[in-house]
All heavy atoms as atom14 arrays in JSON, in Angstrom:
{
  "sequence": "RTVMITGDNPLTAKAIADEAGVDDFLAEATPEDKLALIRKEQEGGRLV",
  "atom14_mask": [
    [1, 1, 1, 1, 1, 1, 1, 1, 1, 1, 1, 0, 0, 0],
    [1, 1, 1, 1, 1, 1, 1, 0, 0, 0, 0, 0, 0, 0],
    [1, 1, 1, 1, 1, 1, 1, 0, 0, 0, 0, 0, 0, 0],
    [1, 1, 1, 1, 1, 1, 1, 1, 0, 0, 0, 0, 0, 0],
    [1, 1, 1, 1, 1, 1, 1, 1, 0, 0, 0, 0, 0, 0],
    [1, 1, 1, 1, 1, 1, 1, 0, 0, 0, 0, 0, 0, 0],
    [1, 1, 1, 1, 0, 0, 0, 0, 0, 0, 0, 0, 0, 0],
    [1, 1, 1, 1, 1, 1, 1, 1, 0, 0, 0, 0, 0, 0],
    [1, 1, 1, 1, 1, 1, 1, 1, 0, 0, 0, 0, 0, 0],
    [1, 1, 1, 1, 1, 1, 1, 0, 0, 0, 0, 0, 0, 0],
    [1, 1, 1, 1, 1, 1, 1, 1, 0, 0, 0, 0, 0, 0],
    [1, 1, 1, 1, 1, 1, 1, 0, 0, 0, 0, 0, 0, 0],
    [1, 1, 1, 1, 1, 0, 0, 0, 0, 0, 0, 0, 0, 0],
    [1, 1, 1, 1, 1, 1, 1, 1, 1, 0, 0, 0, 0, 0],
    [1, 1, 1, 1, 1, 0, 0, 0, 0, 0, 0, 0, 0, 0],
    [1, 1, 1, 1, 1, 1, 1, 1, 0, 0, 0, 0, 0, 0],
    [1, 1, 1, 1, 1, 0, 0, 0, 0, 0, 0, 0, 0, 0],
    [1, 1, 1, 1, 1, 1, 1, 1, 0, 0, 0, 0, 0, 0],
    [1, 1, 1, 1, 1, 1, 1, 1, 1, 0, 0, 0, 0, 0],
    [1, 1, 1, 1, 1, 0, 0, 0, 0, 0, 0, 0, 0, 0],
    [1, 1, 1, 1, 0, 0, 0, 0, 0, 0, 0, 0, 0, 0],
    [1, 1, 1, 1, 1, 1, 1, 0, 0, 0, 0, 0, 0, 0],
    [1, 1, 1, 1, 1, 1, 1, 1, 0, 0, 0, 0, 0, 0],
    [1, 1, 1, 1, 1, 1, 1, 1, 0, 0, 0, 0, 0, 0],
    [1, 1, 1, 1, 1, 1, 1, 1, 1, 1, 1, 0, 0, 0],
    [1, 1, 1, 1, 1, 1, 1, 1, 0, 0, 0, 0, 0, 0],
    [1, 1, 1, 1, 1, 0, 0, 0, 0, 0, 0, 0, 0, 0],
    [1, 1, 1, 1, 1, 1, 1, 1, 1, 0, 0, 0, 0, 0],
    [1, 1, 1, 1, 1, 0, 0, 0, 0, 0, 0, 0, 0, 0],
    [1, 1, 1, 1, 1, 1, 1, 0, 0, 0, 0, 0, 0, 0],
    [1, 1, 1, 1, 1, 1, 1, 0, 0, 0, 0, 0, 0, 0],
    [1, 1, 1, 1, 1, 1, 1, 1, 1, 0, 0, 0, 0, 0],
    [1, 1, 1, 1, 1, 1, 1, 1, 0, 0, 0, 0, 0, 0],
    [1, 1, 1, 1, 1, 1, 1, 1, 1, 0, 0, 0, 0, 0],
    [1, 1, 1, 1, 1, 1, 1, 1, 0, 0, 0, 0, 0, 0],
    [1, 1, 1, 1, 1, 0, 0, 0, 0, 0, 0, 0, 0, 0],
    [1, 1, 1, 1, 1, 1, 1, 1, 0, 0, 0, 0, 0, 0],
    [1, 1, 1, 1, 1, 1, 1, 1, 0, 0, 0, 0, 0, 0],
    [1, 1, 1, 1, 1, 1, 1, 1, 1, 1, 1, 0, 0, 0],
    [1, 1, 1, 1, 1, 1, 1, 1, 1, 0, 0, 0, 0, 0],
    [1, 1, 1, 1, 1, 1, 1, 1, 1, 0, 0, 0, 0, 0],
    [1, 1, 1, 1, 1, 1, 1, 1, 1, 0, 0, 0, 0, 0],
    [1, 1, 1, 1, 1, 1, 1, 1, 1, 0, 0, 0, 0, 0],
    [1, 1, 1, 1, 0, 0, 0, 0, 0, 0, 0, 0, 0, 0],
    [1, 1, 1, 1, 0, 0, 0, 0, 0, 0, 0, 0, 0, 0],
    [1, 1, 1, 1, 1, 1, 1, 1, 1, 1, 1, 0, 0, 0],
    [1, 1, 1, 1, 1, 1, 1, 1, 0, 0, 0, 0, 0, 0],
    [1, 1, 1, 1, 1, 1, 1, 0, 0, 0, 0, 0, 0, 0]
  ],
  "atom14_positions": [
    [[0.85, -1.19, 0.0], [0.0, 0.0, 0.0], [0.89, 1.24, 0.0], [1.81, 1.36, 0.79], [-0.9, -0.02, 1.24], [-1.79, 1.19, 1.43], [-2.78, 0.92, 2.55], [-3.52, 2.11, 2.93], [-3.19, 2.9, 3.93], [-2.13, 2.6, 4.69], [-3.91, 3.97, 4.23], [0.0, 0.0, 0.0], [0.0, 0.0, 0.0], [0.0, 0.0, 0.0]],
    [[0.61, 2.19, -0.9], [1.42, 3.4, -1.0], [0.66, 4.6, -0.44], [-0.53, 4.78, -0.72], [1.8, 3.68, -2.46], [0.63, 3.67, -3.27], [2.76, 2.61, -2.98], [0.0, 0.0, 0.0], [0.0, 0.0, 0.0], [0.0, 0.0, 0.0], [0.0, 0.0, 0.0], [0.0, 0.0, 0.0], [0.0, 0.0, 0.0], [0.0, 0.0, 0.0]],
    [[1.37, 5.4, 0.35], [0.76, 6.58, 0.98], [1.65, 7.79, 0.68], [2.85, 7.77, 0.97], [0.63, 6.41, 2.5], [-0.02, 7.65, 3.12], [-0.2, 5.16, 2.82], [0.0, 0.0, 0.0], [0.0, 0.0, 0.0], [0.0, 0.0, 0.0], [0.0, 0.0, 0.0], [0.0, 0.0, 0.0], [0.0, 0.0, 0.0], [0.0, 0.0, 0.0]],
    [[1.09, 8.81, 0.1], [1.82, 10.04, -0.2], [1.75, 10.99, 0.99], [0.68, 11.22, 1.54], [1.22, 10.72, -1.44], [1.95, 11.98, -1.88], [1.12, 12.8, -3.27], [-0.25, 13.6, -2.42], [0.0, 0.0, 0.0], [0.0, 0.0, 0.0], [0.0, 0.0, 0.0], [0.0, 0.0, 0.0], [0.0, 0.0, 0.0], [0.0, 0.0, 0.0]],
    [[2.91, 11.51, 1.4], [3.0, 12.45, 2.51], [3.3, 13.83, 1.95], [4.24, 14.01, 1.18], [4.12, 12.05, 3.49], [3.96, 10.59, 3.93], [4.14, 12.98, 4.69], [2.74, 10.33, 4.74], [0.0, 0.0, 0.0], [0.0, 0.0, 0.0], [0.0, 0.0, 0.0], [0.0, 0.0, 0.0], [0.0, 0.0, 0.0], [0.0, 0.0, 0.0]],
    [[2.49, 14.83, 2.33], [2.7, 16.17, 1.8], [2.23, 17.23, 2.8], [1.37, 16.96, 3.64], [1.95, 16.35, 0.46], [2.14, 17.68, -0.01], [0.47, 16.08, 0.62], [0.0, 0.0, 0.0], [0.0, 0.0, 0.0], [0.0, 0.0, 0.0], [0.0, 0.0, 0.0], [0.0, 0.0, 0.0], [0.0, 0.0, 0.0], [0.0, 0.0, 0.0]],
    [[2.82, 18.4, 2.68], [2.38, 19.53, 3.49], [1.3, 20.34, 2.8], [0.82, 21.33, 3.35], [0.0, 0.0, 0.0], [0.0, 0.0, 0.0], [0.0, 0.0, 0.0], [0.0, 0.0, 0.0], [0.0, 0.0, 0.0], [0.0, 0.0, 0.0], [0.0, 0.0, 0.0], [0.0, 0.0, 0.0], [0.0, 0.0, 0.0], [0.0, 0.0, 0.0]],
    [[0.91, 19.93, 1.58], [-0.12, 20.65, 0.83], [-1.48, 20.52, 1.51], [-1.71, 19.63, 2.34], [-0.23, 20.1, -0.59], [0.98, 20.48, -1.44], [1.67, 21.44, -1.08], [1.24, 19.78, -2.44], [0.0, 0.0, 0.0], [0.0, 0.0, 0.0], [0.0, 0.0, 0.0], [0.0, 0.0, 0.0], [0.0, 0.0, 0.0], [0.0, 0.0, 0.0]],
    [[-2.39, 21.4, 1.1], [-3.76, 21.29, 1.6], [-4.42, 20.04, 1.01], [-3.98, 19.51, -0.01], [-4.56, 22.55, 1.24], [-4.69, 22.74, -0.26], [-5.39, 21.99, -0.93], [-4.0, 23.74, -0.8], [0.0, 0.0, 0.0], [0.0, 0.0, 0.0], [0.0, 0.0, 0.0], [0.0, 0.0, 0.0], [0.0, 0.0, 0.0], [0.0, 0.0, 0.0]],
    [[-5.47, 19.55, 1.64], [-6.1, 18.29, 1.19], [-6.56, 18.31, -0.26], [-6.49, 17.29, -0.95], [-7.29, 18.14, 2.14], [-6.87, 18.86, 3.38], [-6.07, 20.03, 2.9], [0.0, 0.0, 0.0], [0.0, 0.0, 0.0], [0.0, 0.0, 0.0], [0.0, 0.0, 0.0], [0.0, 0.0, 0.0], [0.0, 0.0, 0.0], [0.0, 0.0, 0.0]],
    [[-7.02, 19.48, -0.75], [-7.51, 19.57, -2.12], [-6.38, 19.32, -3.12], [-6.5, 18.52, -4.05], [-8.13, 20.95, -2.36], [-9.06, 21.1, -3.56], [-10.27, 20.19, -3.43], [-9.49, 22.55, -3.7], [0.0, 0.0, 0.0], [0.0, 0.0, 0.0], [0.0, 0.0, 0.0], [0.0, 0.0, 0.0], [0.0, 0.0, 0.0], [0.0, 0.0, 0.0]],
    [[-5.27, 20.02, -2.91], [-4.11, 19.83, -3.78], [-3.56, 18.42, -3.65], [-3.2, 17.78, -4.64], [-3.01, 20.86, -3.44], [-3.54, 22.18, -3.6], [-1.81, 20.69, -4.34], [0.0, 0.0, 0.0], [0.0, 0.0, 0.0], [0.0, 0.0, 0.0], [0.0, 0.0, 0.0], [0.0, 0.0, 0.0], [0.0, 0.0, 0.0], [0.0, 0.0, 0.0]],
    [[-3.48, 17.93, -2.42], [-2.94, 16.59, -2.18], [-3.77, 15.53, -2.9], [-3.22, 14.6, -3.5], [-2.92, 16.3, -0.68], [0.0, 0.0, 0.0], [0.0, 0.0, 0.0], [0.0, 0.0, 0.0], [0.0, 0.0, 0.0], [0.0, 0.0, 0.0], [0.0, 0.0, 0.0], [0.0, 0.0, 0.0], [0.0, 0.0, 0.0], [0.0, 0.0, 0.0]],
    [[-5.09, 15.68, -2.86], [-5.95, 14.68, -3.52], [-5.75, 14.68, -5.03], [-5.72, 13.63, -5.67], [-7.42, 14.94, -3.19], [-8.36, 13.86, -3.74], [-9.8, 14.13, -3.37], [-10.69, 12.96, -3.77], [-10.54, 12.56, -5.19], [0.0, 0.0, 0.0], [0.0, 0.0, 0.0], [0.0, 0.0, 0.0], [0.0, 0.0, 0.0], [0.0, 0.0, 0.0]],
    [[-5.6, 15.88, -5.61], [-5.41, 15.97, -7.06], [-4.12, 15.26, -7.48], [-4.1, 14.5, -8.46], [-5.37, 17.43, -7.48], [0.0, 0.0, 0.0], [0.0, 0.0, 0.0], [0.0, 0.0, 0.0], [0.0, 0.0, 0.0], [0.0, 0.0, 0.0], [0.0, 0.0, 0.0], [0.0, 0.0, 0.0], [0.0, 0.0, 0.0], [0.0, 0.0, 0.0]],
    [[-3.04, 15.48, -6.73], [-1.76, 14.84, -7.05], [-1.85, 13.33, -6.81], [-1.35, 12.53, -7.6], [-0.62, 15.45, -6.22], [-0.43, 16.93, -6.57], [0.68, 14.68, -6.44], [0.04, 17.18, -7.97], [0.0, 0.0, 0.0], [0.0, 0.0, 0.0], [0.0, 0.0, 0.0], [0.0, 0.0, 0.0], [0.0, 0.0, 0.0], [0.0, 0.0, 0.0]],
    [[-2.48, 12.95, -5.7], [-2.6, 11.52, -5.38], [-3.38, 10.77, -6.45], [-3.02, 9.66, -6.85], [-3.27, 11.35, -4.01], [0.0, 0.0, 0.0], [0.0, 0.0, 0.0], [0.0, 0.0, 0.0], [0.0, 0.0, 0.0], [0.0, 0.0, 0.0], [0.0, 0.0, 0.0], [0.0, 0.0, 0.0], [0.0, 0.0, 0.0], [0.0, 0.0, 0.0]],
    [[-4.45, 11.38, -6.95], [-5.26, 10.74, -7.99], [-4.46, 10.6, -9.28], [-4.54, 9.57, -9.97], [-6.53, 11.55, -8.25], [-7.52, 11.47, -7.1], [-7.37, 10.54, -6.28], [-8.42, 12.32, -7.02], [0.0, 0.0, 0.0], [0.0, 0.0, 0.0], [0.0, 0.0, 0.0], [0.0, 0.0, 0.0], [0.0, 0.0, 0.0], [0.0, 0.0, 0.0]],
    [[-3.7, 11.64, -9.62], [-2.92, 11.6, -10.85], [-1.79, 10.58, -10.76], [-1.5, 9.86, -11.72], [-2.34, 12.99, -11.17], [-1.6, 13.04, -12.49], [-1.09, 14.44, -12.8], [-1.42, 15.39, -12.06], [-0.33, 14.57, -13.79], [0.0, 0.0, 0.0], [0.0, 0.0, 0.0], [0.0, 0.0, 0.0], [0.0, 0.0, 0.0], [0.0, 0.0, 0.0]],
    [[-1.14, 10.49, -9.59], [0.0, 9.58, -9.42], [-0.46, 8.13, -9.26], [0.29, 7.21, -9.59], [0.83, 10.0, -8.21], [0.0, 0.0, 0.0], [0.0, 0.0, 0.0], [0.0, 0.0, 0.0], [0.0, 0.0, 0.0], [0.0, 0.0, 0.0], [0.0, 0.0, 0.0], [0.0, 0.0, 0.0], [0.0, 0.0, 0.0], [0.0, 0.0, 0.0]],
    [[-1.65, 7.94, -8.72], [-2.15, 6.58, -8.54], [-1.77, 5.94, -7.23], [-1.76, 4.71, -7.12], [0.0, 0.0, 0.0], [0.0, 0.0, 0.0], [0.0, 0.0, 0.0], [0.0, 0.0, 0.0], [0.0, 0.0, 0.0], [0.0, 0.0, 0.0], [0.0, 0.0, 0.0], [0.0, 0.0, 0.0], [0.0, 0.0, 0.0], [0.0, 0.0, 0.0]],
    [[-1.47, 6.77, -6.19], [-1.18, 6.19, -4.88], [-2.48, 5.74, -4.22], [-3.57, 6.18, -4.59], [-0.45, 7.2, -3.96], [0.93, 7.52, -4.51], [-1.26, 8.48, -3.78], [0.0, 0.0, 0.0], [0.0, 0.0, 0.0], [0.0, 0.0, 0.0], [0.0, 0.0, 0.0], [0.0, 0.0, 0.0], [0.0, 0.0, 0.0], [0.0, 0.0, 0.0]],
    [[-2.34, 4.89, -3.22], [-3.53, 4.34, -2.57], [-4.16, 5.31, -1.57], [-5.36, 5.27, -1.34], [-3.17, 3.03, -1.85], [-2.71, 1.97, -2.82], [-3.4, 1.75, -3.84], [-1.66, 1.36, -2.59], [0.0, 0.0, 0.0], [0.0, 0.0, 0.0], [0.0, 0.0, 0.0], [0.0, 0.0, 0.0], [0.0, 0.0, 0.0], [0.0, 0.0, 0.0]],
    [[-3.32, 6.17, -0.97], [-3.84, 7.08, 0.06], [-2.88, 8.25, 0.17], [-1.77, 8.23, -0.4], [-3.97, 6.35, 1.4], [-4.97, 7.03, 2.33], [-5.45, 8.13, 1.99], [-5.25, 6.46, 3.4], [0.0, 0.0, 0.0], [0.0, 0.0, 0.0], [0.0, 0.0, 0.0], [0.0, 0.0, 0.0], [0.0, 0.0, 0.0], [0.0, 0.0, 0.0]],
    [[-3.27, 9.27, 0.91], [-2.38, 10.42, 1.13], [-2.61, 11.0, 2.51], [-3.68, 10.82, 3.12], [-2.59, 11.5, 0.05], [-3.95, 12.15, 0.09], [-4.2, 13.28, 0.87], [-5.0, 11.63, -0.66], [-5.44, 13.87, 0.9], [-6.26, 12.22, -0.64], [-6.48, 13.34, 0.15], [0.0, 0.0, 0.0], [0.0, 0.0, 0.0], [0.0, 0.0, 0.0]],
    [[-1.59, 11.67, 3.01], [-1.67, 12.39, 4.28], [-1.31, 13.83, 3.98], [-0.16, 14.15, 3.65], [-0.7, 11.8, 5.31], [-0.66, 12.49, 6.67], [-2.0, 12.34, 7.39], [0.46, 11.92, 7.54], [0.0, 0.0, 0.0], [0.0, 0.0, 0.0], [0.0, 0.0, 0.0], [0.0, 0.0, 0.0], [0.0, 0.0, 0.0], [0.0, 0.0, 0.0]],
    [[-2.3, 14.74, 4.07], [-2.1, 16.15, 3.74], [-1.77, 16.96, 4.99], [-2.07, 16.54, 6.11], [-3.34, 16.71, 3.06], [0.0, 0.0, 0.0], [0.0, 0.0, 0.0], [0.0, 0.0, 0.0], [0.0, 0.0, 0.0], [0.0, 0.0, 0.0], [0.0, 0.0, 0.0], [0.0, 0.0, 0.0], [0.0, 0.0, 0.0], [0.0, 0.0, 0.0]],
    [[-1.13, 18.12, 4.76], [-0.76, 19.03, 5.86], [-0.06, 18.27, 6.97], [-0.35, 18.43, 8.16], [-2.0, 19.77, 6.37], [-2.65, 20.63, 5.3], [-3.93, 21.32, 5.78], [-4.5, 20.85, 6.8], [-4.35, 22.3, 5.14], [0.0, 0.0, 0.0], [0.0, 0.0, 0.0], [0.0, 0.0, 0.0], [0.0, 0.0, 0.0], [0.0, 0.0, 0.0]],
    [[0.86, 17.39, 6.57], [1.49, 16.46, 7.52], [2.52, 17.17, 8.4], [3.38, 17.9, 7.91], [2.16, 15.32, 6.75], [0.0, 0.0, 0.0], [0.0, 0.0, 0.0], [0.0, 0.0, 0.0], [0.0, 0.0, 0.0], [0.0, 0.0, 0.0], [0.0, 0.0, 0.0], [0.0, 0.0, 0.0], [0.0, 0.0, 0.0], [0.0, 0.0, 0.0]],
    [[2.45, 16.93, 9.68], [3.44, 17.39, 10.65], [4.27, 16.17, 11.09], [3.88, 15.03, 10.83], [2.76, 18.0, 11.89], [2.01, 16.96, 12.56], [1.81, 19.13, 11.49], [0.0, 0.0, 0.0], [0.0, 0.0, 0.0], [0.0, 0.0, 0.0], [0.0, 0.0, 0.0], [0.0, 0.0, 0.0], [0.0, 0.0, 0.0], [0.0, 0.0, 0.0]],
    [[5.42, 16.39, 11.75], [6.2, 15.24, 12.26], [5.36, 14.31, 13.13], [5.51, 13.08, 13.07], [7.32, 15.91, 13.05], [7.5, 17.24, 12.4], [6.13, 17.67, 11.98], [0.0, 0.0, 0.0], [0.0, 0.0, 0.0], [0.0, 0.0, 0.0], [0.0, 0.0, 0.0], [0.0, 0.0, 0.0], [0.0, 0.0, 0.0], [0.0, 0.0, 0.0]],
    [[4.48, 14.89, 13.93], [3.63, 14.07, 14.8], [2.64, 13.23, 13.98], [2.36, 12.08, 14.31], [2.87, 14.97, 15.78], [3.73, 15.66, 16.82], [4.49, 16.86, 16.28], [4.14, 17.34, 15.16], [5.44, 17.32, 16.95], [0.0, 0.0, 0.0], [0.0, 0.0, 0.0], [0.0, 0.0, 0.0], [0.0, 0.0, 0.0], [0.0, 0.0, 0.0]],
    [[2.15, 13.83, 12.89], [1.21, 13.1, 12.03], [1.89, 11.9, 11.37], [1.31, 10.81, 11.28], [0.66, 14.03, 10.93], [-0.23, 15.13, 11.5], [-0.81, 14.91, 12.58], [-0.34, 16.2, 10.87], [0.0, 0.0, 0.0], [0.0, 0.0, 0.0], [0.0, 0.0, 0.0], [0.0, 0.0, 0.0], [0.0, 0.0, 0.0], [0.0, 0.0, 0.0]],
    [[3.12, 12.1, 10.89], [3.86, 11.0, 10.26], [4.09, 9.86, 11.25], [3.89, 8.68, 10.93], [5.21, 11.5, 9.73], [5.11, 12.55, 8.64], [6.51, 13.03, 8.25], [6.44, 14.2, 7.28], [7.79, 14.72, 6.93], [0.0, 0.0, 0.0], [0.0, 0.0, 0.0], [0.0, 0.0, 0.0], [0.0, 0.0, 0.0], [0.0, 0.0, 0.0]],
    [[4.51, 10.23, 12.46], [4.78, 9.22, 13.48], [3.51, 8.46, 13.84], [3.52, 7.22, 13.97], [5.37, 9.9, 14.72], [5.98, 9.0, 15.8], [7.11, 8.18, 15.22], [6.47, 9.84, 16.97], [0.0, 0.0, 0.0], [0.0, 0.0, 0.0], [0.0, 0.0, 0.0], [0.0, 0.0, 0.0], [0.0, 0.0, 0.0], [0.0, 0.0, 0.0]],
    [[2.4, 9.18, 13.97], [1.13, 8.54, 14.32], [0.67, 7.59, 13.22], [0.17, 6.49, 13.5], [0.06, 9.61, 14.58], [0.0, 0.0, 0.0], [0.0, 0.0, 0.0], [0.0, 0.0, 0.0], [0.0, 0.0, 0.0], [0.0, 0.0, 0.0], [0.0, 0.0, 0.0], [0.0, 0.0, 0.0], [0.0, 0.0, 0.0], [0.0, 0.0, 0.0]],
    [[0.87, 7.97, 11.96], [0.46, 7.12, 10.85], [1.28, 5.82, 10.83], [0.73, 4.74, 10.63], [0.64, 7.86, 9.52], [0.34, 7.06, 8.25], [-1.1, 6.57, 8.25], [0.61, 7.91, 7.01], [0.0, 0.0, 0.0], [0.0, 0.0, 0.0], [0.0, 0.0, 0.0], [0.0, 0.0, 0.0], [0.0, 0.0, 0.0], [0.0, 0.0, 0.0]],
    [[2.59, 5.94, 11.06], [3.44, 4.75, 11.07], [3.03, 3.81, 12.19], [2.9, 2.59, 11.99], [4.93, 5.16, 11.23], [5.4, 5.88, 9.97], [5.8, 3.92, 11.48], [6.79, 6.45, 10.07], [0.0, 0.0, 0.0], [0.0, 0.0, 0.0], [0.0, 0.0, 0.0], [0.0, 0.0, 0.0], [0.0, 0.0, 0.0], [0.0, 0.0, 0.0]],
    [[2.78, 4.35, 13.37], [2.38, 3.51, 14.51], [1.03, 2.83, 14.25], [0.83, 1.67, 14.61], [2.33, 4.35, 15.77], [3.71, 4.72, 16.31], [3.63, 5.67, 17.48], [4.95, 5.9, 18.07], [5.22, 6.86, 18.93], [4.24, 7.7, 19.32], [6.44, 7.0, 19.41], [0.0, 0.0, 0.0], [0.0, 0.0, 0.0], [0.0, 0.0, 0.0]],
    [[0.14, 3.56, 13.62], [-1.18, 2.98, 13.31], [-1.03, 1.81, 12.35], [-1.68, 0.76, 12.53], [-2.07, 4.06, 12.7], [-3.47, 3.56, 12.33], [-4.29, 4.68, 11.7], [-5.66, 4.17, 11.26], [-6.46, 5.24, 10.6], [0.0, 0.0, 0.0], [0.0, 0.0, 0.0], [0.0, 0.0, 0.0], [0.0, 0.0, 0.0], [0.0, 0.0, 0.0]],
    [[-0.18, 1.96, 11.34], [0.05, 0.87, 10.39], [0.69, -0.33, 11.09], [0.31, -1.49, 10.86], [0.96, 1.35, 9.25], [0.33, 2.38, 8.33], [-0.74, 1.78, 7.43], [-0.58, 0.63, 7.01], [-1.73, 2.48, 7.15], [0.0, 0.0, 0.0], [0.0, 0.0, 0.0], [0.0, 0.0, 0.0], [0.0, 0.0, 0.0], [0.0, 0.0, 0.0]],
    [[1.66, -0.06, 11.96], [2.38, -1.14, 12.64], [1.48, -1.87, 13.63], [1.64, -3.08, 13.84], [3.61, -0.58, 13.35], [4.7, -0.14, 12.37], [5.84, 0.59, 13.05], [5.66, 1.2, 14.1], [7.02, 0.54, 12.45], [0.0, 0.0, 0.0], [0.0, 0.0, 0.0], [0.0, 0.0, 0.0], [0.0, 0.0, 0.0], [0.0, 0.0, 0.0]],
    [[0.55, -1.15, 14.24], [-0.38, -1.8, 15.17], [-1.26, -2.82, 14.44], [-1.75, -3.77, 15.04], [-1.25, -0.74, 15.85], [-0.51, 0.07, 16.91], [-1.32, 1.25, 17.4], [-2.47, 1.42, 16.93], [-0.81, 2.02, 18.24], [0.0, 0.0, 0.0], [0.0, 0.0, 0.0], [0.0, 0.0, 0.0], [0.0, 0.0, 0.0], [0.0, 0.0, 0.0]],
    [[-1.43, -2.61, 13.14], [-2.2, -3.56, 12.35], [-1.37, -4.72, 11.85], [-1.83, -5.5, 11.01], [0.0, 0.0, 0.0], [0.0, 0.0, 0.0], [0.0, 0.0, 0.0], [0.0, 0.0, 0.0], [0.0, 0.0, 0.0], [0.0, 0.0, 0.0], [0.0, 0.0, 0.0], [0.0, 0.0, 0.0], [0.0, 0.0, 0.0], [0.0, 0.0, 0.0]],
    [[-0.13, -4.83, 12.32], [0.74, -5.94, 11.94], [1.48, -5.74, 10.63], [2.02, -6.69, 10.06], [0.0, 0.0, 0.0], [0.0, 0.0, 0.0], [0.0, 0.0, 0.0], [0.0, 0.0, 0.0], [0.0, 0.0, 0.0], [0.0, 0.0, 0.0], [0.0, 0.0, 0.0], [0.0, 0.0, 0.0], [0.0, 0.0, 0.0], [0.0, 0.0, 0.0]],
    [[1.52, -4.49, 10.14], [2.18, -4.21, 8.87], [3.57, -3.62, 9.09], [3.81, -2.94, 10.09], [1.33, -3.26, 8.03], [0.03, -3.87, 7.53], [-0.8, -2.88, 6.75], [-1.44, -1.9, 7.62], [-2.63, -2.05, 8.19], [-3.32, -3.16, 7.96], [-3.15, -1.12, 8.96], [0.0, 0.0, 0.0], [0.0, 0.0, 0.0], [0.0, 0.0, 0.0]],
    [[4.46, -3.9, 8.14], [5.8, -3.3, 8.15], [5.78, -2.05, 7.29], [5.2, -2.05, 6.2], [6.85, -4.28, 7.63], [7.08, -5.55, 8.45], [8.24, -6.35, 7.86], [7.36, -5.23, 9.9], [0.0, 0.0, 0.0], [0.0, 0.0, 0.0], [0.0, 0.0, 0.0], [0.0, 0.0, 0.0], [0.0, 0.0, 0.0], [0.0, 0.0, 0.0]],
    [[6.44, -1.0, 7.76], [6.36, 0.31, 7.12], [7.75, 0.78, 6.7], [8.72, 0.64, 7.44], [5.73, 1.35, 8.06], [5.64, 2.71, 7.37], [4.35, 0.89, 8.52], [0.0, 0.0, 0.0], [0.0, 0.0, 0.0], [0.0, 0.0, 0.0], [0.0, 0.0, 0.0], [0.0, 0.0, 0.0], [0.0, 0.0, 0.0], [0.0, 0.0, 0.0]]
  ]
}
């Protein structure tokens, strides 16, 4: 599963994500947001 990380607003992030073909995106991402996303994935038994 591919996730795009960006500081852009959600509208811009969605447009780029749709064009690139990634599975998901995280917009307006802060360091805390990145860390929380990784932990959430790992809690589900996935390697990140």
